Amino acid sequence: MKLISIENIPGQEYEVLGLVRGTIVQSKNFGKDFMAGMKTLVGGEIKSYTDMLTEARQIATKRMVDEATALGADAVVGVRYSSSSVMQGAAEVLAFGTAVKFK
């Protein structure tokens, strides 16, 4: 499955199958959340949150690809990611794009 962030694939004809998306809400456990809070006092990267969001993006992407595969897609164009805080220590990550089938 090709995942492309641009809106069109130059020189490629395709049929648009529709919007596909994958989402996850993920949180860290209390101990890691507490330690991340302590890190904000001294500054720097909060690695546990970086890792959490990387994993969340991977899961959301897989769910989007699974949805596109179920439609018979060859690619997803216009791939975008969005994230938002759902509650303290929990974030939603959304992957979305347009599923297409090559002609």
PDB file of N, CA and C in Angstrom:
ATOM      1  N   MET A   1       0.854  -1.179   0.000  1.00  0.00           N
ATOM      2  CA  MET A   1       0.000   0.000   0.000  1.00  0.00           C
ATOM      3  C   MET A   1       0.896   1.237   0.000  1.00  0.00           C
ATOM      4  N   LYS A   2       0.697   2.094  -0.986  1.00  0.00           N
ATOM      5  CA  LYS A   2       1.439   3.350  -1.029  1.00  0.00           C
ATOM      6  C   LYS A   2       0.706   4.376  -0.182  1.00  0.00           C
ATOM      7  N   LEU A   3       1.465   5.086   0.636  1.00  0.00           N
ATOM      8  CA  LEU A   3       0.932   6.187   1.440  1.00  0.00           C
ATOM      9  C   LEU A   3       1.621   7.454   0.967  1.00  0.00           C
ATOM     10  N   ILE A   4       0.817   8.403   0.488  1.00  0.00           N
ATOM     11  CA  ILE A   4       1.373   9.591  -0.144  1.00  0.00           C
ATOM     12  C   ILE A   4       0.759  10.832   0.489  1.00  0.00           C
ATOM     13  N   SER A   5       1.602  11.788   0.860  1.00  0.00           N
ATOM     14  CA  SER A   5       1.096  12.984   1.526  1.00  0.00           C
ATOM     15  C   SER A   5       0.596  14.047   0.546  1.00  0.00           C
ATOM     16  N   ILE A   6       1.019  13.967  -0.722  1.00  0.00           N
ATOM     17  CA  ILE A   6       0.528  14.945  -1.698  1.00  0.00           C
ATOM     18  C   ILE A   6      -0.888  14.575  -2.138  1.00  0.00           C
ATOM     19  N   GLU A   7      -1.591  15.527  -2.718  1.00  0.00           N
ATOM     20  CA  GLU A   7      -3.000  15.336  -3.065  1.00  0.00           C
ATOM     21  C   GLU A   7      -3.217  14.505  -4.331  1.00  0.00           C
ATOM     22  N   ASN A   8      -2.245  14.480  -5.217  1.00  0.00           N
ATOM     23  CA  ASN A   8      -2.361  13.742  -6.479  1.00  0.00           C
ATOM     24  C   ASN A   8      -1.070  12.992  -6.758  1.00  0.00           C
ATOM     25  N   ILE A   9      -1.189  11.874  -7.452  1.00  0.00           N
ATOM     26  CA  ILE A   9      -0.005  11.122  -7.869  1.00  0.00           C
ATOM     27  C   ILE A   9       0.266  11.510  -9.314  1.00  0.00           C
ATOM     28  N   PRO A  10       1.342  12.244  -9.572  1.00  0.00           N
ATOM     29  CA  PRO A  10       1.626  12.709 -10.934  1.00  0.00           C
ATOM     30  C   PRO A  10       1.729  11.538 -11.916  1.00  0.00           C
ATOM     31  N   GLY A  11       1.020  11.664 -13.054  1.00  0.00           N
ATOM     32  CA  GLY A  11       1.096  10.662 -14.116  1.00  0.00           C
ATOM     33  C   GLY A  11       0.350   9.370 -13.835  1.00  0.00           C
ATOM     34  N   GLN A  12      -0.359   9.286 -12.733  1.00  0.00           N
ATOM     35  CA  GLN A  12      -1.071   8.048 -12.362  1.00  0.00           C
ATOM     36  C   GLN A  12      -2.578   8.302 -12.409  1.00  0.00           C
ATOM     37  N   GLU A  13      -3.283   7.468 -13.158  1.00  0.00           N
ATOM     38  CA  GLU A  13      -4.742   7.553 -13.166  1.00  0.00           C
ATOM     39  C   GLU A  13      -5.280   6.625 -12.097  1.00  0.00           C
ATOM     40  N   TYR A  14      -6.302   7.101 -11.394  1.00  0.00           N
ATOM     41  CA  TYR A  14      -6.892   6.276 -10.346  1.00  0.00           C
ATOM     42  C   TYR A  14      -8.335   6.672 -10.097  1.00  0.00           C
ATOM     43  N   GLU A  15      -9.036   5.753  -9.482  1.00  0.00           N
ATOM     44  CA  GLU A  15     -10.418   5.965  -9.070  1.00  0.00           C
ATOM     45  C   GLU A  15     -10.414   6.253  -7.576  1.00  0.00           C
ATOM     46  N   VAL A  16     -11.139   7.267  -7.175  1.00  0.00           N
ATOM     47  CA  VAL A  16     -11.248   7.611  -5.758  1.00  0.00           C
ATOM     48  C   VAL A  16     -12.265   6.686  -5.100  1.00  0.00           C
ATOM     49  N   LEU A  17     -11.847   6.017  -4.023  1.00  0.00           N
ATOM     50  CA  LEU A  17     -12.726   5.105  -3.304  1.00  0.00           C
ATOM     51  C   LEU A  17     -13.368   5.752  -2.085  1.00  0.00           C
ATOM     52  N   GLY A  18     -12.717   6.763  -1.527  1.00  0.00           N
ATOM     53  CA  GLY A  18     -13.299   7.468  -0.395  1.00  0.00           C
ATOM     54  C   GLY A  18     -12.329   7.706   0.743  1.00  0.00           C
ATOM     55  N   LEU A  19     -12.839   8.389   1.751  1.00  0.00           N
ATOM     56  CA  LEU A  19     -12.068   8.724   2.945  1.00  0.00           C
ATOM     57  C   LEU A  19     -11.797   7.469   3.771  1.00  0.00           C
ATOM     58  N   VAL A  20     -10.567   7.346   4.228  1.00  0.00           N
ATOM     59  CA  VAL A  20     -10.212   6.273   5.164  1.00  0.00           C
ATOM     60  C   VAL A  20      -9.506   6.906   6.352  1.00  0.00           C
ATOM     61  N   ARG A  21      -9.669   6.267   7.497  1.00  0.00           N
ATOM     62  CA  ARG A  21      -9.063   6.827   8.704  1.00  0.00           C
ATOM     63  C   ARG A  21      -8.738   5.729   9.698  1.00  0.00           C
ATOM     64  N   GLY A  22      -7.842   6.051  10.577  1.00  0.00           N
ATOM     65  CA  GLY A  22      -7.501   5.190  11.695  1.00  0.00           C
ATOM     66  C   GLY A  22      -7.286   6.072  12.902  1.00  0.00           C
ATOM     67  N   THR A  23      -7.748   5.628  14.043  1.00  0.00           N
ATOM     68  CA  THR A  23      -7.630   6.461  15.240  1.00  0.00           C
ATOM     69  C   THR A  23      -7.299   5.604  16.451  1.00  0.00           C
ATOM     70  N   ILE A  24      -6.673   6.220  17.416  1.00  0.00           N
ATOM     71  CA  ILE A  24      -6.365   5.572  18.688  1.00  0.00           C
ATOM     72  C   ILE A  24      -6.294   6.646  19.765  1.00  0.00           C
ATOM     73  N   VAL A  25      -6.747   6.302  20.937  1.00  0.00           N
ATOM     74  CA  VAL A  25      -6.549   7.142  22.120  1.00  0.00           C
ATOM     75  C   VAL A  25      -5.627   6.343  23.027  1.00  0.00           C
ATOM     76  N   GLN A  26      -4.500   6.927  23.357  1.00  0.00           N
ATOM     77  CA  GLN A  26      -3.489   6.196  24.116  1.00  0.00           C
ATOM     78  C   GLN A  26      -3.021   7.030  25.303  1.00  0.00           C
ATOM     79  N   SER A  27      -2.667   6.336  26.372  1.00  0.00           N
ATOM     80  CA  SER A  27      -2.168   7.033  27.561  1.00  0.00           C
ATOM     81  C   SER A  27      -0.976   6.281  28.136  1.00  0.00           C
ATOM     82  N   LYS A  28      -0.271   6.949  28.995  1.00  0.00           N
ATOM     83  CA  LYS A  28       0.836   6.340  29.732  1.00  0.00           C
ATOM     84  C   LYS A  28       0.347   5.967  31.118  1.00  0.00           C
ATOM     85  N   ASN A  29       1.043   5.045  31.748  1.00  0.00           N
ATOM     86  CA  ASN A  29       0.646   4.682  33.111  1.00  0.00           C
ATOM     87  C   ASN A  29       1.031   5.802  34.088  1.00  0.00           C
ATOM     88  N   PHE A  30       0.467   5.746  35.262  1.00  0.00           N
ATOM     89  CA  PHE A  30       0.646   6.813  36.242  1.00  0.00           C
ATOM     90  C   PHE A  30       2.122   7.073  36.555  1.00  0.00           C
ATOM     91  N   GLY A  31       2.913   6.016  36.726  1.00  0.00           N
ATOM     92  CA  GLY A  31       4.330   6.185  37.065  1.00  0.00           C
ATOM     93  C   GLY A  31       5.083   6.957  36.001  1.00  0.00           C
ATOM     94  N   LYS A  32       4.856   6.608  34.736  1.00  0.00           N
ATOM     95  CA  LYS A  32       5.537   7.315  33.648  1.00  0.00           C
ATOM     96  C   LYS A  32       5.001   8.733  33.521  1.00  0.00           C
ATOM     97  N   ASP A  33       3.698   8.910  33.766  1.00  0.00           N
ATOM     98  CA  ASP A  33       3.100  10.240  33.691  1.00  0.00           C
ATOM     99  C   ASP A  33       3.698  11.135  34.784  1.00  0.00           C
ATOM    100  N   PHE A  34       3.876  10.598  35.969  1.00  0.00           N
ATOM    101  CA  PHE A  34       4.476  11.341  37.075  1.00  0.00           C
ATOM    102  C   PHE A  34       5.904  11.752  36.729  1.00  0.00           C
ATOM    103  N   MET A  35       6.675  10.812  36.189  1.00  0.00           N
ATOM    104  CA  MET A  35       8.074  11.101  35.838  1.00  0.00           C
ATOM    105  C   MET A  35       8.140  12.140  34.717  1.00  0.00           C
ATOM    106  N   ALA A  36       7.196  12.072  33.766  1.00  0.00           N
ATOM    107  CA  ALA A  36       7.160  13.067  32.694  1.00  0.00           C
ATOM    108  C   ALA A  36       6.885  14.448  33.279  1.00  0.00           C
ATOM    109  N   GLY A  37       6.001  14.508  34.251  1.00  0.00           N
ATOM    110  CA  GLY A  37       5.712  15.777  34.922  1.00  0.00           C
ATOM    111  C   GLY A  37       6.945  16.349  35.592  1.00  0.00           C
ATOM    112  N   MET A  38       7.755  15.493  36.191  1.00  0.00           N
ATOM    113  CA  MET A  38       8.996  15.945  36.829  1.00  0.00           C
ATOM    114  C   MET A  38       9.970  16.483  35.778  1.00  0.00           C
ATOM    115  N   LYS A  39       9.973  15.874  34.593  1.00  0.00           N
ATOM    116  CA  LYS A  39      10.879  16.302  33.520  1.00  0.00           C
ATOM    117  C   LYS A  39      10.570  17.734  33.081  1.00  0.00           C
ATOM    118  N   THR A  40       9.299  18.134  33.186  1.00  0.00           N
ATOM    119  CA  THR A  40       8.946  19.495  32.767  1.00  0.00           C
ATOM    120  C   THR A  40       9.615  20.550  33.642  1.00  0.00           C
ATOM    121  N   LEU A  41      10.047  20.172  34.817  1.00  0.00           N
ATOM    122  CA  LEU A  41      10.710  21.125  35.700  1.00  0.00           C
ATOM    123  C   LEU A  41      12.108  21.489  35.215  1.00  0.00           C
ATOM    124  N   VAL A  42      12.796  20.543  34.561  1.00  0.00           N
ATOM    125  CA  VAL A  42      14.171  20.785  34.125  1.00  0.00           C
ATOM    126  C   VAL A  42      14.289  20.981  32.621  1.00  0.00           C
ATOM    127  N   GLY A  43      13.237  20.652  31.865  1.00  0.00           N
ATOM    128  CA  GLY A  43      13.257  20.834  30.414  1.00  0.00           C
ATOM    129  C   GLY A  43      13.847  19.639  29.692  1.00  0.00           C
ATOM    130  N   GLY A  44      13.704  19.669  28.394  1.00  0.00           N
ATOM    131  CA  GLY A  44      14.217  18.593  27.548  1.00  0.00           C
ATOM    132  C   GLY A  44      13.103  17.696  27.034  1.00  0.00           C
ATOM    133  N   GLU A  45      13.501  16.746  26.216  1.00  0.00           N
ATOM    134  CA  GLU A  45      12.541  15.822  25.613  1.00  0.00           C
ATOM    135  C   GLU A  45      11.946  14.892  26.660  1.00  0.00           C
ATOM    136  N   ILE A  46      10.657  14.669  26.564  1.00  0.00           N
ATOM    137  CA  ILE A  46       9.982  13.695  27.426  1.00  0.00           C
ATOM    138  C   ILE A  46       9.836  12.435  26.597  1.00  0.00           C
ATOM    139  N   LYS A  47      10.860  11.590  26.690  1.00  0.00           N
ATOM    140  CA  LYS A  47      10.985  10.424  25.814  1.00  0.00           C
ATOM    141  C   LYS A  47       9.790   9.485  25.919  1.00  0.00           C
ATOM    142  N   SER A  48       9.228   9.303  27.096  1.00  0.00           N
ATOM    143  CA  SER A  48       8.103   8.382  27.228  1.00  0.00           C
ATOM    144  C   SER A  48       6.906   8.854  26.406  1.00  0.00           C
ATOM    145  N   TYR A  49       6.709  10.173  26.313  1.00  0.00           N
ATOM    146  CA  TYR A  49       5.615  10.695  25.495  1.00  0.00           C
ATOM    147  C   TYR A  49       5.952  10.638  24.008  1.00  0.00           C
ATOM    148  N   THR A  50       7.205  10.883  23.659  1.00  0.00           N
ATOM    149  CA  THR A  50       7.627  10.741  22.268  1.00  0.00           C
ATOM    150  C   THR A  50       7.372   9.309  21.805  1.00  0.00           C
ATOM    151  N   ASP A  51       7.774   8.349  22.635  1.00  0.00           N
ATOM    152  CA  ASP A  51       7.565   6.938  22.294  1.00  0.00           C
ATOM    153  C   ASP A  51       6.075   6.605  22.208  1.00  0.00           C
ATOM    154  N   MET A  52       5.285   7.127  23.144  1.00  0.00           N
ATOM    155  CA  MET A  52       3.847   6.869  23.147  1.00  0.00           C
ATOM    156  C   MET A  52       3.200   7.375  21.863  1.00  0.00           C
ATOM    157  N   LEU A  53       3.544   8.595  21.452  1.00  0.00           N
ATOM    158  CA  LEU A  53       2.936   9.169  20.255  1.00  0.00           C
ATOM    159  C   LEU A  53       3.438   8.494  18.986  1.00  0.00           C
ATOM    160  N   THR A  54       4.692   8.063  18.957  1.00  0.00           N
ATOM    161  CA  THR A  54       5.200   7.308  17.808  1.00  0.00           C
ATOM    162  C   THR A  54       4.422   6.008  17.658  1.00  0.00           C
ATOM    163  N   GLU A  55       4.228   5.299  18.756  1.00  0.00           N
ATOM    164  CA  GLU A  55       3.458   4.053  18.721  1.00  0.00           C
ATOM    165  C   GLU A  55       2.014   4.328  18.306  1.00  0.00           C
ATOM    166  N   ALA A  56       1.423   5.388  18.814  1.00  0.00           N
ATOM    167  CA  ALA A  56       0.044   5.729  18.472  1.00  0.00           C
ATOM    168  C   ALA A  56      -0.088   6.042  16.981  1.00  0.00           C
ATOM    169  N   ARG A  57       0.877   6.768  16.410  1.00  0.00           N
ATOM    170  CA  ARG A  57       0.846   7.058  14.965  1.00  0.00           C
ATOM    171  C   ARG A  57       0.943   5.774  14.153  1.00  0.00           C
ATOM    172  N   GLN A  58       1.808   4.846  14.580  1.00  0.00           N
ATOM    173  CA  GLN A  58       1.942   3.567  13.868  1.00  0.00           C
ATOM    174  C   GLN A  58       0.634   2.782  13.894  1.00  0.00           C
ATOM    175  N   ILE A  59      -0.025   2.742  15.028  1.00  0.00           N
ATOM    176  CA  ILE A  59      -1.287   2.012  15.154  1.00  0.00           C
ATOM    177  C   ILE A  59      -2.373   2.693  14.317  1.00  0.00           C
ATOM    178  N   ALA A  60      -2.471   4.019  14.386  1.00  0.00           N
ATOM    179  CA  ALA A  60      -3.471   4.748  13.606  1.00  0.00           C
ATOM    180  C   ALA A  60      -3.234   4.547  12.112  1.00  0.00           C
ATOM    181  N   THR A  61      -1.971   4.566  11.682  1.00  0.00           N
ATOM    182  CA  THR A  61      -1.643   4.343  10.271  1.00  0.00           C
ATOM    183  C   THR A  61      -2.064   2.944   9.838  1.00  0.00           C
ATOM    184  N   LYS A  62      -1.777   1.941  10.659  1.00  0.00           N
ATOM    185  CA  LYS A  62      -2.163   0.569  10.318  1.00  0.00           C
ATOM    186  C   LYS A  62      -3.681   0.453  10.198  1.00  0.00           C
ATOM    187  N   ARG A  63      -4.408   1.076  11.088  1.00  0.00           N
ATOM    188  CA  ARG A  63      -5.872   1.021  11.032  1.00  0.00           C
ATOM    189  C   ARG A  63      -6.400   1.709   9.776  1.00  0.00           C
ATOM    190  N   MET A  64      -5.759   2.805   9.369  1.00  0.00           N
ATOM    191  CA  MET A  64      -6.139   3.485   8.135  1.00  0.00           C
ATOM    192  C   MET A  64      -5.862   2.589   6.933  1.00  0.00           C
ATOM    193  N   VAL A  65      -4.689   1.969   6.904  1.00  0.00           N
ATOM    194  CA  VAL A  65      -4.322   1.065   5.806  1.00  0.00           C
ATOM    195  C   VAL A  65      -5.274  -0.121   5.763  1.00  0.00           C
ATOM    196  N   ASP A  66      -5.628  -0.672   6.914  1.00  0.00           N
ATOM    197  CA  ASP A  66      -6.575  -1.792   6.951  1.00  0.00           C
ATOM    198  C   ASP A  66      -7.914  -1.393   6.341  1.00  0.00           C
ATOM    199  N   GLU A  67      -8.380  -0.191   6.642  1.00  0.00           N
ATOM    200  CA  GLU A  67      -9.647   0.294   6.083  1.00  0.00           C
ATOM    201  C   GLU A  67      -9.535   0.462   4.566  1.00  0.00           C
ATOM    202  N   ALA A  68      -8.398   0.990   4.101  1.00  0.00           N
ATOM    203  CA  ALA A  68      -8.179   1.156   2.662  1.00  0.00           C
ATOM    204  C   ALA A  68      -8.091  -0.198   1.959  1.00  0.00           C
ATOM    205  N   THR A  69      -7.417  -1.145   2.576  1.00  0.00           N
ATOM    206  CA  THR A  69      -7.301  -2.489   2.012  1.00  0.00           C
ATOM    207  C   THR A  69      -8.673  -3.137   1.865  1.00  0.00           C
ATOM    208  N   ALA A  70      -9.524  -2.954   2.853  1.00  0.00           N
ATOM    209  CA  ALA A  70     -10.878  -3.515   2.808  1.00  0.00           C
ATOM    210  C   ALA A  70     -11.686  -2.937   1.641  1.00  0.00           C
ATOM    211  N   LEU A  71     -11.351  -1.724   1.204  1.00  0.00           N
ATOM    212  CA  LEU A  71     -12.018  -1.111   0.051  1.00  0.00           C
ATOM    213  C   LEU A  71     -11.396  -1.532  -1.271  1.00  0.00           C
ATOM    214  N   GLY A  72     -10.267  -2.248  -1.214  1.00  0.00           N
ATOM    215  CA  GLY A  72      -9.562  -2.655  -2.429  1.00  0.00           C
ATOM    216  C   GLY A  72      -8.622  -1.602  -2.966  1.00  0.00           C
ATOM    217  N   ALA A  73      -8.170  -0.709  -2.126  1.00  0.00           N
ATOM    218  CA  ALA A  73      -7.306   0.400  -2.544  1.00  0.00           C
ATOM    219  C   ALA A  73      -5.879  -0.064  -2.831  1.00  0.00           C
ATOM    220  N   ASP A  74      -5.229   0.694  -3.729  1.00  0.00           N
ATOM    221  CA  ASP A  74      -3.808   0.491  -4.020  1.00  0.00           C
ATOM    222  C   ASP A  74      -2.945   1.512  -3.289  1.00  0.00           C
ATOM    223  N   ALA A  75      -3.567   2.630  -2.905  1.00  0.00           N
ATOM    224  CA  ALA A  75      -2.816   3.709  -2.256  1.00  0.00           C
ATOM    225  C   ALA A  75      -3.772   4.573  -1.449  1.00  0.00           C
ATOM    226  N   VAL A  76      -3.167   5.377  -0.567  1.00  0.00           N
ATOM    227  CA  VAL A  76      -3.906   6.421   0.145  1.00  0.00           C
ATOM    228  C   VAL A  76      -3.167   7.716  -0.153  1.00  0.00           C
ATOM    229  N   VAL A  77      -3.889   8.674  -0.729  1.00  0.00           N
ATOM    230  CA  VAL A  77      -3.276   9.972  -1.047  1.00  0.00           C
ATOM    231  C   VAL A  77      -3.760  11.020  -0.047  1.00  0.00           C
ATOM    232  N   GLY A  78      -2.992  12.084   0.059  1.00  0.00           N
ATOM    233  CA  GLY A  78      -3.356  13.169   0.971  1.00  0.00           C
ATOM    234  C   GLY A  78      -3.314  12.744   2.418  1.00  0.00           C
ATOM    235  N   VAL A  79      -2.386  11.865   2.770  1.00  0.00           N
ATOM    236  CA  VAL A  79      -2.305  11.360   4.145  1.00  0.00           C
ATOM    237  C   VAL A  79      -1.955  12.500   5.102  1.00  0.00           C
ATOM    238  N   ARG A  80      -2.720  12.567   6.161  1.00  0.00           N
ATOM    239  CA  ARG A  80      -2.500  13.587   7.192  1.00  0.00           C
ATOM    240  C   ARG A  80      -2.623  12.946   8.563  1.00  0.00           C
ATOM    241  N   TYR A  81      -2.034  13.596   9.540  1.00  0.00           N
ATOM    242  CA  TYR A  81      -2.134  13.168  10.940  1.00  0.00           C
ATOM    243  C   TYR A  81      -2.646  14.336  11.766  1.00  0.00           C
ATOM    244  N   SER A  82      -3.411  14.006  12.772  1.00  0.00           N
ATOM    245  CA  SER A  82      -3.917  15.000  13.700  1.00  0.00           C
ATOM    246  C   SER A  82      -3.822  14.403  15.095  1.00  0.00           C
ATOM    247  N   SER A  83      -3.600  15.239  16.073  1.00  0.00           N
ATOM    248  CA  SER A  83      -3.598  14.742  17.453  1.00  0.00           C
ATOM    249  C   SER A  83      -4.255  15.777  18.345  1.00  0.00           C
ATOM    250  N   SER A  84      -4.819  15.262  19.417  1.00  0.00           N
ATOM    251  CA  SER A  84      -5.436  16.154  20.395  1.00  0.00           C
ATOM    252  C   SER A  84      -5.388  15.495  21.761  1.00  0.00           C
ATOM    253  N   SER A  85      -5.406  16.324  22.764  1.00  0.00           N
ATOM    254  CA  SER A  85      -5.431  15.827  24.129  1.00  0.00           C
ATOM    255  C   SER A  85      -6.870  15.497  24.494  1.00  0.00           C
ATOM    256  N   VAL A  86      -7.100  14.280  24.965  1.00  0.00           N
ATOM    257  CA  VAL A  86      -8.440  13.860  25.355  1.00  0.00           C
ATOM    258  C   VAL A  86      -8.643  14.148  26.838  1.00  0.00           C
ATOM    259  N   MET A  87      -7.604  13.884  27.608  1.00  0.00           N
ATOM    260  CA  MET A  87      -7.574  14.180  29.032  1.00  0.00           C
ATOM    261  C   MET A  87      -6.108  14.236  29.427  1.00  0.00           C
ATOM    262  N   GLN A  88      -5.803  14.633  30.630  1.00  0.00           N
ATOM    263  CA  GLN A  88      -4.406  14.731  31.034  1.00  0.00           C
ATOM    264  C   GLN A  88      -3.748  13.361  30.925  1.00  0.00           C
ATOM    265  N   GLY A  89      -2.675  13.297  30.161  1.00  0.00           N
ATOM    266  CA  GLY A  89      -1.935  12.051  30.009  1.00  0.00           C
ATOM    267  C   GLY A  89      -2.454  11.127  28.926  1.00  0.00           C
ATOM    268  N   ALA A  90      -3.486  11.546  28.182  1.00  0.00           N
ATOM    269  CA  ALA A  90      -4.032  10.722  27.104  1.00  0.00           C
ATOM    270  C   ALA A  90      -4.187  11.576  25.850  1.00  0.00           C
ATOM    271  N   ALA A  91      -3.806  11.003  24.720  1.00  0.00           N
ATOM    272  CA  ALA A  91      -3.891  11.728  23.461  1.00  0.00           C
ATOM    273  C   ALA A  91      -4.552  10.862  22.402  1.00  0.00           C
ATOM    274  N   GLU A  92      -5.346  11.517  21.550  1.00  0.00           N
ATOM    275  CA  GLU A  92      -5.910  10.848  20.385  1.00  0.00           C
ATOM    276  C   GLU A  92      -5.013  11.157  19.202  1.00  0.00           C
ATOM    277  N   VAL A  93      -4.707  10.155  18.406  1.00  0.00           N
ATOM    278  CA  VAL A  93      -3.989  10.347  17.157  1.00  0.00           C
ATOM    279  C   VAL A  93      -4.883   9.826  16.049  1.00  0.00           C
ATOM    280  N   LEU A  94      -5.067  10.636  15.014  1.00  0.00           N
ATOM    281  CA  LEU A  94      -5.905  10.298  13.873  1.00  0.00           C
ATOM    282  C   LEU A  94      -5.053  10.347  12.616  1.00  0.00           C
ATOM    283  N   ALA A  95      -5.102   9.289  11.818  1.00  0.00           N
ATOM    284  CA  ALA A  95      -4.475   9.245  10.499  1.00  0.00           C
ATOM    285  C   ALA A  95      -5.613   9.188   9.489  1.00  0.00           C
ATOM    286  N   PHE A  96      -5.529   9.998   8.425  1.00  0.00           N
ATOM    287  CA  PHE A  96      -6.611   9.979   7.435  1.00  0.00           C
ATOM    288  C   PHE A  96      -6.096  10.361   6.060  1.00  0.00           C
ATOM    289  N   GLY A  97      -6.830   9.953   5.056  1.00  0.00           N
ATOM    290  CA  GLY A  97      -6.481  10.257   3.673  1.00  0.00           C
ATOM    291  C   GLY A  97      -7.556   9.716   2.747  1.00  0.00           C
ATOM    292  N   THR A  98      -7.292   9.755   1.455  1.00  0.00           N
ATOM    293  CA  THR A  98      -8.241   9.293   0.443  1.00  0.00           C
ATOM    294  C   THR A  98      -7.727   8.005  -0.178  1.00  0.00           C
ATOM    295  N   ALA A  99      -8.534   6.953  -0.080  1.00  0.00           N
ATOM    296  CA  ALA A  99      -8.188   5.659  -0.675  1.00  0.00           C
ATOM    297  C   ALA A  99      -8.426   5.724  -2.178  1.00  0.00           C
ATOM    298  N   VAL A 100      -7.469   5.209  -2.971  1.00  0.00           N
ATOM    299  CA  VAL A 100      -7.600   5.209  -4.422  1.00  0.00           C
ATOM    300  C   VAL A 100      -7.234   3.837  -4.987  1.00  0.00           C
ATOM    301  N   LYS A 101      -7.801   3.531  -6.147  1.00  0.00           N
ATOM    302  CA  LYS A 101      -7.502   2.294  -6.879  1.00  0.00           C
ATOM    303  C   LYS A 101      -6.920   2.700  -8.220  1.00  0.00           C
ATOM    304  N   PHE A 102      -5.740   2.164  -8.576  1.00  0.00           N
ATOM    305  CA  PHE A 102      -5.096   2.490  -9.826  1.00  0.00           C
ATOM    306  C   PHE A 102      -5.859   1.905 -11.009  1.00  0.00           C
ATOM    307  N   LYS A 103      -5.897   2.662 -12.117  1.00  0.00           N
ATOM    308  CA  LYS A 103      -6.546   2.180 -13.346  1.00  0.00           C
ATOM    309  C   LYS A 103      -5.544   1.463 -14.207  1.00  0.00           C
TER     310      LYS A 103
END
